[in-house]
Amino acid sequence: MAMAAALMCLPILFAACSKDDDQTTTNTQEQPAQQVPAIVSMMYYLNASDDMLQYIDYTVTFDNGIDEILDTVTTNRWEKIRAAGLPSTFTIKTCLRVKEGMYDALAAVDTFYVNRGHGYAYQIFDSTATAIPGMSGIRNIPSTSVGRGALIAEHVQAGDFDKTYTVSFDANGVKIEN
């Protein structure tokens, strides 16, 4: 019964709060501007096993479409952050080669681990460098190979572990699967 009385009062409450047609009101609060995607920031990372750091030269070329960085992986985790305007494409190329004078030592290893795990995280920003909520992502790609040192040495020297990874974004900041 009390619920029915409350529901009957709602039209009266709204009528009391309504304005006359000849009155005007001005909204003094600005509506927030919609954030328009303009920039993408990408962090790429690679993992390297201790075996790799001892016997293999692991080089990385990271290109954001503007310029590229050529770097050598010297620790178990390598990472770099790059930014570019939208649309954009980020490319990472990895190259593994047996270190000079280490081929025979690597070939003598019974069990050798090659860890080429990699991944990336990205964030889309507007033109004022403000992060746009919900426009970010992360991807982890594990990759480990295990084998006798002699076999691994052959594959490394042949370039079998060299890879190119590409991630693109369209003008709206949408990641395009490559």
N, C-alpha and C. Protein backbone atom coordinates (compact mmCIF):
# COMPACT_ATOMS: atom_id res chain seq x y z
N MET A 1 0.82 -1.18 0.00
CA MET A 1 0.00 0.00 0.00
C MET A 1 0.87 1.26 0.00
N ALA A 2 1.93 1.24 0.81
CA ALA A 2 2.83 2.39 0.86
C ALA A 2 3.53 2.56 -0.49
N MET A 3 3.87 1.42 -1.15
CA MET A 3 4.51 1.46 -2.46
C MET A 3 3.58 2.10 -3.48
N ALA A 4 2.33 1.76 -3.45
CA ALA A 4 1.37 2.34 -4.39
C ALA A 4 1.25 3.84 -4.18
N ALA A 5 1.24 4.28 -2.93
CA ALA A 5 1.15 5.71 -2.63
C ALA A 5 2.39 6.44 -3.13
N ALA A 6 3.56 5.82 -3.00
CA ALA A 6 4.80 6.44 -3.45
C ALA A 6 4.80 6.56 -4.98
N LEU A 7 4.33 5.53 -5.68
CA LEU A 7 4.29 5.57 -7.13
C LEU A 7 3.31 6.62 -7.62
N MET A 8 2.20 6.82 -6.89
CA MET A 8 1.23 7.83 -7.29
C MET A 8 1.78 9.24 -7.11
N CYS A 9 2.71 9.41 -6.17
CA CYS A 9 3.29 10.73 -5.92
C CYS A 9 4.35 11.11 -6.95
N LEU A 10 4.91 10.15 -7.67
CA LEU A 10 5.98 10.43 -8.64
C LEU A 10 5.54 11.45 -9.69
N PRO A 11 4.34 11.32 -10.30
CA PRO A 11 3.96 12.34 -11.29
C PRO A 11 3.85 13.74 -10.67
N ILE A 12 3.41 13.81 -9.44
CA ILE A 12 3.30 15.10 -8.77
C ILE A 12 4.69 15.68 -8.54
N LEU A 13 5.64 14.83 -8.11
CA LEU A 13 7.00 15.27 -7.86
C LEU A 13 7.63 15.80 -9.16
N PHE A 14 7.46 15.06 -10.27
CA PHE A 14 8.02 15.50 -11.55
C PHE A 14 7.36 16.79 -12.03
N ALA A 15 6.05 16.93 -11.80
CA ALA A 15 5.34 18.14 -12.22
C ALA A 15 5.84 19.34 -11.43
N ALA A 16 6.14 19.12 -10.17
CA ALA A 16 6.62 20.22 -9.33
C ALA A 16 8.03 20.63 -9.74
N CYS A 17 8.81 19.68 -10.27
CA CYS A 17 10.19 19.98 -10.65
C CYS A 17 10.31 20.46 -12.09
N SER A 18 9.25 20.34 -12.88
CA SER A 18 9.37 20.72 -14.28
C SER A 18 9.45 22.23 -14.40
N LYS A 19 9.98 22.71 -15.52
CA LYS A 19 10.12 24.15 -15.72
C LYS A 19 9.04 24.63 -16.68
N ASP A 20 8.76 25.88 -16.64
CA ASP A 20 7.83 26.46 -17.57
C ASP A 20 8.50 26.54 -18.94
N ASP A 21 7.70 26.49 -19.99
CA ASP A 21 8.24 26.50 -21.35
C ASP A 21 8.98 27.78 -21.67
N ASP A 22 8.62 28.91 -21.05
CA ASP A 22 9.26 30.16 -21.41
C ASP A 22 10.57 30.41 -20.65
N GLN A 23 10.92 29.54 -19.72
CA GLN A 23 12.18 29.68 -19.00
C GLN A 23 13.28 28.94 -19.77
N THR A 24 14.48 29.50 -19.76
CA THR A 24 15.61 28.82 -20.38
C THR A 24 16.66 28.57 -19.32
N THR A 25 17.39 27.51 -19.50
CA THR A 25 18.48 27.21 -18.57
C THR A 25 19.75 27.04 -19.38
N THR A 26 20.85 27.37 -18.78
CA THR A 26 22.14 27.22 -19.43
C THR A 26 22.96 26.23 -18.62
N ASN A 27 23.52 25.26 -19.32
CA ASN A 27 24.38 24.29 -18.65
C ASN A 27 25.77 24.89 -18.60
N THR A 28 26.26 25.17 -17.40
CA THR A 28 27.57 25.79 -17.25
C THR A 28 28.70 24.76 -17.17
N GLN A 29 28.35 23.50 -17.07
CA GLN A 29 29.38 22.46 -17.02
C GLN A 29 29.73 22.03 -18.44
N GLU A 30 31.04 22.05 -18.76
CA GLU A 30 31.48 21.60 -20.08
C GLU A 30 31.47 20.09 -20.11
N GLN A 31 31.02 19.57 -21.20
CA GLN A 31 31.08 18.13 -21.40
C GLN A 31 32.51 17.77 -21.78
N PRO A 32 33.03 16.65 -21.26
CA PRO A 32 34.39 16.28 -21.61
C PRO A 32 34.48 15.95 -23.10
N ALA A 33 35.55 16.41 -23.72
CA ALA A 33 35.76 16.14 -25.14
C ALA A 33 36.10 14.66 -25.32
N GLN A 34 35.61 14.09 -26.38
CA GLN A 34 35.92 12.70 -26.68
C GLN A 34 37.39 12.61 -27.03
N GLN A 35 38.07 11.62 -26.46
CA GLN A 35 39.48 11.45 -26.74
C GLN A 35 39.65 10.78 -28.10
N VAL A 36 40.41 11.43 -28.95
CA VAL A 36 40.65 10.91 -30.29
C VAL A 36 42.04 10.26 -30.31
N PRO A 37 42.13 8.99 -30.68
CA PRO A 37 43.44 8.32 -30.72
C PRO A 37 44.39 9.05 -31.66
N ALA A 38 45.63 9.26 -31.18
CA ALA A 38 46.62 9.97 -31.99
C ALA A 38 48.00 9.32 -31.92
N ILE A 39 48.32 8.72 -30.79
CA ILE A 39 49.67 8.19 -30.55
C ILE A 39 49.57 6.79 -29.95
N VAL A 40 50.50 5.95 -30.31
CA VAL A 40 50.59 4.63 -29.68
C VAL A 40 51.99 4.50 -29.09
N SER A 41 52.04 3.99 -27.87
CA SER A 41 53.31 3.70 -27.21
C SER A 41 53.41 2.18 -27.09
N MET A 42 54.52 1.65 -27.55
CA MET A 42 54.71 0.20 -27.57
C MET A 42 55.96 -0.18 -26.79
N MET A 43 55.81 -1.15 -25.89
CA MET A 43 56.96 -1.72 -25.21
C MET A 43 57.12 -3.15 -25.72
N TYR A 44 58.25 -3.45 -26.31
CA TYR A 44 58.57 -4.80 -26.75
C TYR A 44 59.58 -5.38 -25.78
N TYR A 45 59.47 -6.67 -25.52
CA TYR A 45 60.48 -7.31 -24.67
C TYR A 45 60.83 -8.67 -25.24
N LEU A 46 62.04 -9.10 -24.91
CA LEU A 46 62.55 -10.42 -25.29
C LEU A 46 63.20 -11.05 -24.08
N ASN A 47 63.15 -12.36 -24.02
CA ASN A 47 63.84 -13.10 -22.97
C ASN A 47 64.99 -13.88 -23.59
N ALA A 48 66.04 -14.06 -22.84
CA ALA A 48 67.18 -14.85 -23.30
C ALA A 48 67.61 -15.77 -22.16
N SER A 49 67.94 -16.99 -22.49
CA SER A 49 68.41 -17.92 -21.47
C SER A 49 69.88 -17.63 -21.16
N ASP A 50 70.34 -18.12 -20.01
CA ASP A 50 71.75 -17.96 -19.65
C ASP A 50 72.65 -18.61 -20.70
N ASP A 51 72.22 -19.76 -21.23
CA ASP A 51 72.98 -20.44 -22.28
C ASP A 51 73.19 -19.51 -23.48
N MET A 52 72.14 -18.84 -23.87
CA MET A 52 72.23 -17.95 -25.03
C MET A 52 73.23 -16.82 -24.78
N LEU A 53 73.16 -16.23 -23.60
CA LEU A 53 74.04 -15.11 -23.29
C LEU A 53 75.51 -15.53 -23.29
N GLN A 54 75.77 -16.78 -22.94
CA GLN A 54 77.14 -17.27 -22.90
C GLN A 54 77.70 -17.58 -24.29
N TYR A 55 76.89 -18.18 -25.17
CA TYR A 55 77.39 -18.70 -26.44
C TYR A 55 76.91 -17.96 -27.69
N ILE A 56 75.87 -17.16 -27.57
CA ILE A 56 75.21 -16.60 -28.75
C ILE A 56 75.15 -15.08 -28.70
N ASP A 57 75.45 -14.46 -29.83
CA ASP A 57 75.20 -13.02 -29.99
C ASP A 57 73.74 -12.88 -30.41
N TYR A 58 72.97 -12.14 -29.63
CA TYR A 58 71.54 -11.97 -29.85
C TYR A 58 71.32 -10.49 -30.12
N THR A 59 71.05 -10.14 -31.38
CA THR A 59 70.83 -8.74 -31.72
C THR A 59 69.36 -8.51 -32.08
N VAL A 60 68.93 -7.29 -31.83
CA VAL A 60 67.54 -6.90 -32.03
C VAL A 60 67.50 -5.58 -32.79
N THR A 61 66.66 -5.51 -33.80
CA THR A 61 66.37 -4.25 -34.48
C THR A 61 64.91 -3.94 -34.20
N PHE A 62 64.66 -2.79 -33.59
CA PHE A 62 63.30 -2.39 -33.21
C PHE A 62 62.97 -1.11 -33.97
N ASP A 63 61.96 -1.19 -34.82
CA ASP A 63 61.59 -0.09 -35.71
C ASP A 63 60.16 0.35 -35.42
N ASN A 64 59.98 1.66 -35.21
CA ASN A 64 58.63 2.19 -34.97
C ASN A 64 58.09 2.92 -36.19
N GLY A 65 58.71 2.73 -37.34
CA GLY A 65 58.27 3.39 -38.57
C GLY A 65 58.88 4.77 -38.75
N ILE A 66 59.56 5.27 -37.75
CA ILE A 66 60.20 6.58 -37.81
C ILE A 66 61.72 6.39 -37.87
N ASP A 67 62.21 5.60 -36.96
CA ASP A 67 63.62 5.25 -36.94
C ASP A 67 63.74 3.88 -36.27
N GLU A 68 64.93 3.33 -36.31
CA GLU A 68 65.10 2.03 -35.70
C GLU A 68 66.29 2.02 -34.76
N ILE A 69 66.20 1.12 -33.79
CA ILE A 69 67.25 0.92 -32.82
C ILE A 69 67.85 -0.45 -33.08
N LEU A 70 69.16 -0.52 -33.15
CA LEU A 70 69.86 -1.80 -33.23
C LEU A 70 70.52 -2.00 -31.88
N ASP A 71 70.23 -3.11 -31.22
CA ASP A 71 70.71 -3.33 -29.87
C ASP A 71 71.13 -4.78 -29.71
N THR A 72 71.97 -5.04 -28.73
CA THR A 72 72.39 -6.39 -28.41
C THR A 72 71.79 -6.79 -27.08
N VAL A 73 71.23 -7.98 -27.01
CA VAL A 73 70.66 -8.50 -25.77
C VAL A 73 71.82 -8.99 -24.91
N THR A 74 71.99 -8.40 -23.74
CA THR A 74 73.09 -8.76 -22.84
C THR A 74 72.60 -9.24 -21.48
N THR A 75 71.28 -9.18 -21.27
CA THR A 75 70.70 -9.65 -20.01
C THR A 75 69.54 -10.58 -20.34
N ASN A 76 69.04 -11.28 -19.33
CA ASN A 76 67.96 -12.24 -19.55
C ASN A 76 66.69 -11.60 -20.09
N ARG A 77 66.50 -10.31 -19.83
CA ARG A 77 65.31 -9.62 -20.34
C ARG A 77 65.73 -8.31 -21.00
N TRP A 78 65.36 -8.17 -22.25
CA TRP A 78 65.61 -6.95 -23.01
C TRP A 78 64.26 -6.30 -23.26
N GLU A 79 64.21 -4.99 -23.10
CA GLU A 79 62.95 -4.28 -23.42
C GLU A 79 63.25 -2.86 -23.85
N LYS A 80 62.41 -2.37 -24.73
CA LYS A 80 62.50 -0.99 -25.22
C LYS A 80 61.08 -0.46 -25.40
N ILE A 81 60.93 0.83 -25.21
CA ILE A 81 59.64 1.51 -25.42
C ILE A 81 59.82 2.51 -26.55
N ARG A 82 58.90 2.48 -27.50
CA ARG A 82 58.91 3.41 -28.63
C ARG A 82 57.49 3.96 -28.81
N ALA A 83 57.38 5.12 -29.38
CA ALA A 83 56.07 5.71 -29.67
C ALA A 83 56.03 6.17 -31.11
N ALA A 84 54.82 6.27 -31.64
CA ALA A 84 54.62 6.75 -33.01
C ALA A 84 53.19 7.26 -33.15
N GLY A 85 52.99 8.12 -34.13
CA GLY A 85 51.64 8.59 -34.44
C GLY A 85 50.86 7.50 -35.14
N LEU A 86 49.55 7.63 -35.10
CA LEU A 86 48.68 6.64 -35.76
C LEU A 86 48.38 7.08 -37.18
N PRO A 87 48.24 6.19 -38.11
CA PRO A 87 48.47 4.75 -38.03
C PRO A 87 49.97 4.46 -37.98
N SER A 88 50.34 3.29 -37.48
CA SER A 88 51.75 2.96 -37.39
C SER A 88 51.97 1.46 -37.37
N THR A 89 53.21 1.09 -37.68
CA THR A 89 53.62 -0.30 -37.65
C THR A 89 54.93 -0.40 -36.89
N PHE A 90 54.99 -1.34 -35.96
CA PHE A 90 56.20 -1.61 -35.19
C PHE A 90 56.74 -2.96 -35.65
N THR A 91 58.05 -3.01 -35.89
CA THR A 91 58.68 -4.24 -36.34
C THR A 91 59.88 -4.53 -35.46
N ILE A 92 59.99 -5.78 -35.08
CA ILE A 92 61.16 -6.20 -34.32
C ILE A 92 61.77 -7.40 -35.05
N LYS A 93 63.07 -7.32 -35.29
CA LYS A 93 63.79 -8.39 -35.97
C LYS A 93 64.85 -8.91 -35.02
N THR A 94 64.89 -10.22 -34.85
CA THR A 94 65.90 -10.83 -33.99
C THR A 94 66.86 -11.65 -34.83
N CYS A 95 68.11 -11.62 -34.43
CA CYS A 95 69.15 -12.36 -35.14
C CYS A 95 70.05 -13.03 -34.10
N LEU A 96 70.19 -14.33 -34.21
CA LEU A 96 71.05 -15.10 -33.32
C LEU A 96 72.21 -15.67 -34.13
N ARG A 97 73.43 -15.52 -33.61
CA ARG A 97 74.62 -16.09 -34.22
C ARG A 97 75.54 -16.57 -33.11
N VAL A 98 76.22 -17.66 -33.34
CA VAL A 98 77.17 -18.16 -32.36
C VAL A 98 78.30 -17.13 -32.23
N LYS A 99 78.66 -16.84 -30.98
CA LYS A 99 79.74 -15.88 -30.74
C LYS A 99 81.04 -16.39 -31.36
N GLU A 100 81.83 -15.45 -31.78
CA GLU A 100 83.11 -15.79 -32.39
C GLU A 100 83.94 -16.64 -31.42
N GLY A 101 84.46 -17.74 -31.92
CA GLY A 101 85.30 -18.63 -31.11
C GLY A 101 84.54 -19.55 -30.18
N MET A 102 83.19 -19.53 -30.22
CA MET A 102 82.38 -20.32 -29.28
C MET A 102 81.68 -21.51 -29.94
N TYR A 103 81.84 -21.68 -31.25
CA TYR A 103 81.10 -22.74 -31.95
C TYR A 103 81.42 -24.12 -31.38
N ASP A 104 82.71 -24.45 -31.22
CA ASP A 104 83.08 -25.77 -30.71
C ASP A 104 82.61 -25.97 -29.27
N ALA A 105 82.70 -24.91 -28.46
CA ALA A 105 82.24 -25.01 -27.08
C ALA A 105 80.73 -25.26 -27.03
N LEU A 106 79.97 -24.56 -27.88
CA LEU A 106 78.52 -24.77 -27.94
C LEU A 106 78.21 -26.17 -28.43
N ALA A 107 78.91 -26.63 -29.44
CA ALA A 107 78.68 -27.97 -30.00
C ALA A 107 78.93 -29.06 -28.97
N ALA A 108 79.76 -28.81 -27.98
CA ALA A 108 80.09 -29.81 -26.96
C ALA A 108 79.06 -29.87 -25.83
N VAL A 109 78.14 -28.92 -25.76
CA VAL A 109 77.12 -28.89 -24.70
C VAL A 109 76.09 -29.99 -24.94
N ASP A 110 75.78 -30.76 -23.88
CA ASP A 110 74.80 -31.85 -24.03
C ASP A 110 73.38 -31.33 -24.23
N THR A 111 72.95 -30.43 -23.35
CA THR A 111 71.59 -29.89 -23.42
C THR A 111 71.67 -28.38 -23.42
N PHE A 112 71.10 -27.78 -24.46
CA PHE A 112 71.18 -26.33 -24.62
C PHE A 112 69.77 -25.77 -24.74
N TYR A 113 69.50 -24.67 -24.03
CA TYR A 113 68.19 -24.02 -24.04
C TYR A 113 68.25 -22.71 -24.82
N VAL A 114 67.38 -22.59 -25.79
CA VAL A 114 67.23 -21.34 -26.53
C VAL A 114 65.87 -20.77 -26.16
N ASN A 115 65.87 -19.66 -25.42
CA ASN A 115 64.62 -19.01 -25.02
C ASN A 115 64.44 -17.78 -25.88
N ARG A 116 63.44 -17.82 -26.73
CA ARG A 116 63.12 -16.67 -27.59
C ARG A 116 61.76 -16.11 -27.24
N GLY A 117 61.33 -16.30 -26.00
CA GLY A 117 60.04 -15.74 -25.57
C GLY A 117 60.04 -14.24 -25.75
N HIS A 118 58.93 -13.72 -26.18
CA HIS A 118 58.83 -12.27 -26.40
C HIS A 118 57.39 -11.83 -26.16
N GLY A 119 57.20 -10.55 -26.19
CA GLY A 119 55.86 -10.01 -26.03
C GLY A 119 55.87 -8.50 -26.15
N TYR A 120 54.70 -7.95 -25.98
CA TYR A 120 54.59 -6.50 -26.07
C TYR A 120 53.41 -6.02 -25.25
N ALA A 121 53.46 -4.75 -24.90
CA ALA A 121 52.34 -4.06 -24.26
C ALA A 121 52.22 -2.72 -24.97
N TYR A 122 51.00 -2.27 -25.14
CA TYR A 122 50.79 -0.98 -25.83
C TYR A 122 49.71 -0.18 -25.12
N GLN A 123 49.77 1.13 -25.34
CA GLN A 123 48.77 2.06 -24.82
C GLN A 123 48.53 3.11 -25.90
N ILE A 124 47.27 3.43 -26.13
CA ILE A 124 46.90 4.47 -27.09
C ILE A 124 46.65 5.77 -26.33
N PHE A 125 47.16 6.89 -26.88
CA PHE A 125 47.03 8.20 -26.26
C PHE A 125 46.34 9.16 -27.22
N ASP A 126 45.75 10.22 -26.66
CA ASP A 126 45.20 11.27 -27.51
C ASP A 126 46.31 12.27 -27.83
N SER A 127 45.98 13.35 -28.52
CA SER A 127 47.00 14.31 -28.96
C SER A 127 47.62 15.09 -27.80
N THR A 128 47.01 15.04 -26.62
CA THR A 128 47.59 15.71 -25.45
C THR A 128 48.41 14.74 -24.61
N ALA A 129 48.65 13.54 -25.14
CA ALA A 129 49.42 12.49 -24.46
C ALA A 129 48.70 11.96 -23.22
N THR A 130 47.37 12.00 -23.25
CA THR A 130 46.56 11.43 -22.18
C THR A 130 46.13 10.03 -22.61
N ALA A 131 46.39 9.05 -21.75
CA ALA A 131 46.03 7.67 -22.07
C ALA A 131 44.52 7.55 -22.23
N ILE A 132 44.11 6.83 -23.25
CA ILE A 132 42.68 6.61 -23.49
C ILE A 132 42.29 5.31 -22.80
N PRO A 133 41.37 5.37 -21.84
CA PRO A 133 40.98 4.16 -21.11
C PRO A 133 40.44 3.08 -22.06
N GLY A 134 40.83 1.87 -21.80
CA GLY A 134 40.34 0.74 -22.58
C GLY A 134 41.07 0.53 -23.90
N MET A 135 42.03 1.37 -24.20
CA MET A 135 42.77 1.22 -25.46
C MET A 135 44.22 0.83 -25.15
N SER A 136 44.37 -0.34 -24.60
CA SER A 136 45.69 -0.87 -24.28
C SER A 136 45.62 -2.38 -24.39
N GLY A 137 46.77 -2.98 -24.41
CA GLY A 137 46.79 -4.44 -24.50
C GLY A 137 48.16 -4.99 -24.19
N ILE A 138 48.20 -6.29 -24.04
CA ILE A 138 49.44 -6.98 -23.74
C ILE A 138 49.37 -8.36 -24.39
N ARG A 139 50.52 -8.83 -24.86
CA ARG A 139 50.57 -10.18 -25.43
C ARG A 139 51.92 -10.79 -25.09
N ASN A 140 51.89 -11.99 -24.57
CA ASN A 140 53.09 -12.75 -24.23
C ASN A 140 53.15 -13.98 -25.10
N ILE A 141 54.31 -14.23 -25.71
CA ILE A 141 54.49 -15.37 -26.60
C ILE A 141 55.71 -16.17 -26.12
N PRO A 142 55.47 -17.26 -25.40
CA PRO A 142 56.61 -18.06 -24.94
C PRO A 142 57.19 -18.88 -26.10
N SER A 143 58.49 -19.11 -26.06
CA SER A 143 59.14 -19.91 -27.09
C SER A 143 60.48 -20.41 -26.56
N THR A 144 60.57 -21.69 -26.31
CA THR A 144 61.81 -22.28 -25.84
C THR A 144 62.11 -23.52 -26.68
N SER A 145 63.34 -23.64 -27.10
CA SER A 145 63.81 -24.83 -27.82
C SER A 145 64.92 -25.45 -27.00
N VAL A 146 64.92 -26.77 -26.97
CA VAL A 146 65.94 -27.50 -26.23
C VAL A 146 66.54 -28.53 -27.17
N GLY A 147 67.85 -28.64 -27.13
CA GLY A 147 68.50 -29.64 -27.98
C GLY A 147 69.97 -29.79 -27.64
N ARG A 148 70.60 -30.70 -28.31
CA ARG A 148 72.03 -30.88 -28.14
C ARG A 148 72.73 -29.65 -28.70
N GLY A 149 73.83 -29.29 -28.10
CA GLY A 149 74.56 -28.09 -28.49
C GLY A 149 74.96 -28.07 -29.96
N ALA A 150 75.39 -29.24 -30.48
CA ALA A 150 75.83 -29.29 -31.88
C ALA A 150 74.67 -28.98 -32.82
N LEU A 151 73.50 -29.52 -32.55
CA LEU A 151 72.33 -29.27 -33.40
C LEU A 151 71.88 -27.81 -33.30
N ILE A 152 71.88 -27.28 -32.08
CA ILE A 152 71.50 -25.88 -31.88
C ILE A 152 72.48 -24.97 -32.61
N ALA A 153 73.76 -25.26 -32.51
CA ALA A 153 74.78 -24.44 -33.19
C ALA A 153 74.52 -24.38 -34.70
N GLU A 154 74.19 -25.53 -35.28
CA GLU A 154 73.89 -25.57 -36.72
C GLU A 154 72.69 -24.71 -37.07
N HIS A 155 71.62 -24.83 -36.27
CA HIS A 155 70.40 -24.05 -36.52
C HIS A 155 70.63 -22.55 -36.33
N VAL A 156 71.42 -22.20 -35.32
CA VAL A 156 71.70 -20.79 -35.07
C VAL A 156 72.48 -20.20 -36.24
N GLN A 157 73.53 -20.89 -36.67
CA GLN A 157 74.35 -20.37 -37.77
C GLN A 157 73.58 -20.30 -39.08
N ALA A 158 72.61 -21.19 -39.26
CA ALA A 158 71.79 -21.19 -40.48
C ALA A 158 70.71 -20.11 -40.46
N GLY A 159 70.54 -19.44 -39.32
CA GLY A 159 69.52 -18.39 -39.21
C GLY A 159 68.13 -18.92 -38.92
N ASP A 160 68.04 -20.18 -38.52
CA ASP A 160 66.73 -20.79 -38.27
C ASP A 160 65.97 -20.15 -37.10
N PHE A 161 66.68 -19.50 -36.20
CA PHE A 161 66.02 -18.87 -35.06
C PHE A 161 65.77 -17.37 -35.28
N ASP A 162 66.21 -16.84 -36.40
CA ASP A 162 65.97 -15.43 -36.71
C ASP A 162 64.49 -15.23 -37.01
N LYS A 163 63.91 -14.19 -36.46
CA LYS A 163 62.47 -13.95 -36.64
C LYS A 163 62.20 -12.46 -36.82
N THR A 164 61.07 -12.18 -37.45
CA THR A 164 60.57 -10.82 -37.56
C THR A 164 59.14 -10.81 -37.04
N TYR A 165 58.85 -9.91 -36.12
CA TYR A 165 57.52 -9.76 -35.54
C TYR A 165 57.01 -8.36 -35.87
N THR A 166 55.75 -8.27 -36.25
CA THR A 166 55.16 -6.99 -36.64
C THR A 166 53.82 -6.79 -35.94
N VAL A 167 53.61 -5.58 -35.43
CA VAL A 167 52.33 -5.19 -34.84
C VAL A 167 51.95 -3.85 -35.46
N SER A 168 50.74 -3.76 -36.01
CA SER A 168 50.28 -2.52 -36.65
C SER A 168 49.04 -1.99 -35.95
N PHE A 169 48.85 -0.69 -36.09
CA PHE A 169 47.67 0.00 -35.55
C PHE A 169 47.09 0.88 -36.64
N ASP A 170 45.76 0.87 -36.77
CA ASP A 170 45.14 1.72 -37.78
C ASP A 170 44.99 3.14 -37.23
N ALA A 171 44.40 4.03 -38.01
CA ALA A 171 44.27 5.44 -37.62
C ALA A 171 43.39 5.63 -36.39
N ASN A 172 42.57 4.64 -36.05
CA ASN A 172 41.71 4.73 -34.87
C ASN A 172 42.34 4.07 -33.65
N GLY A 173 43.57 3.59 -33.77
CA GLY A 173 44.24 2.96 -32.65
C GLY A 173 43.89 1.50 -32.47
N VAL A 174 43.24 0.91 -33.44
CA VAL A 174 42.85 -0.51 -33.37
C VAL A 174 44.04 -1.35 -33.81
N LYS A 175 44.40 -2.34 -33.00
CA LYS A 175 45.53 -3.21 -33.31
C LYS A 175 45.11 -4.15 -34.44
N ILE A 176 46.00 -4.28 -35.42
CA ILE A 176 45.76 -5.16 -36.55
C ILE A 176 46.64 -6.38 -36.37
N GLU A 177 46.03 -7.54 -36.38
CA GLU A 177 46.80 -8.78 -36.22
C GLU A 177 47.66 -9.00 -37.45
N ASN A 178 48.91 -9.29 -37.24
CA ASN A 178 49.84 -9.57 -38.33
C ASN A 178 50.36 -10.98 -38.23
